[in-house]
Amino acid sequence: MPLPPADSPLYNHPLPEIEQWLRDNGCQQDQEQLHCWRVQQPSWEAELWLDVDQITVRYLRSGADSLDIQRSFKYSLTRRDIEDAVFAGP
């Protein structure tokens, strides 16, 4: 099944399509905590959680003094906006 248009709110996407979208963006699902995902890019890495009403992203060791940076994005945002924000990095 193809994804809804990129300008659709993420809450219009069925869970299997959201999971495939994450895989397509290089994320790997935690096999024990299925709502948790990890992504590693050349200059950063992050953990993502699929919460009830938002995606929470924690960029590991990316802030001042190598502290983590955490951001949350409501499912009411479009897939394109979330993708641009999350995968641009910290």
Protein backbone atom coordinates (compact mmCIF):
# COMPACT_ATOMS: atom_id res chain seq x y z
CA MET A 1 0.00 0.00 0.00
CA PRO A 2 1.52 3.38 -0.97
CA LEU A 3 1.99 6.14 1.57
CA PRO A 4 -0.55 8.95 1.72
CA PRO A 5 0.74 12.21 0.18
CA ALA A 6 3.70 13.79 2.00
CA ASP A 7 1.59 16.84 2.83
CA SER A 8 -0.90 14.70 4.80
CA PRO A 9 -0.78 14.78 8.61
CA LEU A 10 1.07 11.80 9.98
CA TYR A 11 -2.06 10.71 11.87
CA ASN A 12 -3.57 9.86 8.44
CA HIS A 13 -0.88 7.21 7.89
CA PRO A 14 -1.50 3.61 9.00
CA LEU A 15 1.11 2.27 11.42
CA PRO A 16 2.64 -0.21 8.92
CA GLU A 17 3.24 2.67 6.50
CA ILE A 18 4.83 4.81 9.23
CA GLU A 19 7.11 1.90 10.10
CA GLN A 20 8.08 1.46 6.45
CA TRP A 21 8.69 5.20 6.14
CA LEU A 22 11.07 5.00 9.11
CA ARG A 23 12.88 2.03 7.54
CA ASP A 24 13.14 3.92 4.24
CA ASN A 25 14.86 6.72 6.16
CA GLY A 26 17.46 4.38 7.63
CA CYS A 27 15.83 3.67 10.99
CA GLN A 28 16.03 0.30 12.70
CA GLN A 29 13.32 -0.95 15.02
CA ASP A 30 14.17 -2.22 18.50
CA GLN A 31 13.11 -5.86 18.58
CA GLU A 32 12.05 -5.77 22.24
CA GLN A 33 10.47 -2.32 22.44
CA LEU A 34 8.69 -2.11 19.10
CA HIS A 35 7.75 1.57 19.51
CA CYS A 36 11.47 2.49 19.69
CA TRP A 37 13.66 3.11 16.66
CA ARG A 38 17.31 4.11 16.10
CA VAL A 39 18.91 5.98 13.23
CA GLN A 40 22.58 6.68 12.65
CA GLN A 41 23.89 9.29 10.22
CA PRO A 42 27.53 10.21 9.59
CA SER A 43 27.40 13.23 11.92
CA TRP A 44 24.67 12.25 14.41
CA GLU A 45 22.58 9.44 15.84
CA ALA A 46 19.15 9.43 17.42
CA GLU A 47 16.50 7.35 19.14
CA LEU A 48 12.86 7.78 18.10
CA TRP A 49 9.74 6.78 20.01
CA LEU A 50 6.31 6.40 18.48
CA ASP A 51 4.19 7.76 21.32
CA VAL A 52 0.40 7.99 21.44
CA ASP A 53 0.13 11.48 19.93
CA GLN A 54 3.66 12.36 18.82
CA ILE A 55 7.07 11.19 17.69
CA THR A 56 9.79 11.93 20.21
CA VAL A 57 13.38 12.17 18.99
CA ARG A 58 16.48 12.18 21.16
CA TYR A 59 19.68 13.14 19.37
CA LEU A 60 22.45 11.42 21.30
CA ARG A 61 25.44 13.45 22.52
CA SER A 62 24.56 16.31 20.16
CA GLY A 63 24.18 19.29 22.46
CA ALA A 64 26.55 21.40 24.50
CA ASP A 65 28.93 19.27 26.58
CA SER A 66 27.76 16.25 24.55
CA LEU A 67 24.34 16.25 26.19
CA ASP A 68 21.34 14.74 24.40
CA ILE A 69 18.83 16.97 22.61
CA GLN A 70 15.20 15.88 22.73
CA ARG A 71 12.38 17.11 20.49
CA SER A 72 8.77 16.04 19.99
CA PHE A 73 6.60 16.34 16.88
CA LYS A 74 2.82 15.95 16.97
CA TYR A 75 1.21 13.56 14.49
CA SER A 76 -0.89 16.51 13.27
CA LEU A 77 2.19 17.77 11.40
CA THR A 78 2.64 16.59 7.83
CA ARG A 79 4.93 13.69 7.07
CA ARG A 80 7.11 16.04 5.01
CA ASP A 81 7.47 18.50 7.90
CA ILE A 82 8.33 15.76 10.38
CA GLU A 83 10.77 14.16 7.95
CA ASP A 84 12.48 17.49 7.27
CA ALA A 85 12.75 18.26 10.99
CA VAL A 86 13.82 14.84 12.26
CA PHE A 87 16.24 13.79 9.53
CA ALA A 88 17.93 17.19 9.23
CA GLY A 89 19.54 16.29 12.55
CA PRO A 90 20.03 18.27 15.73
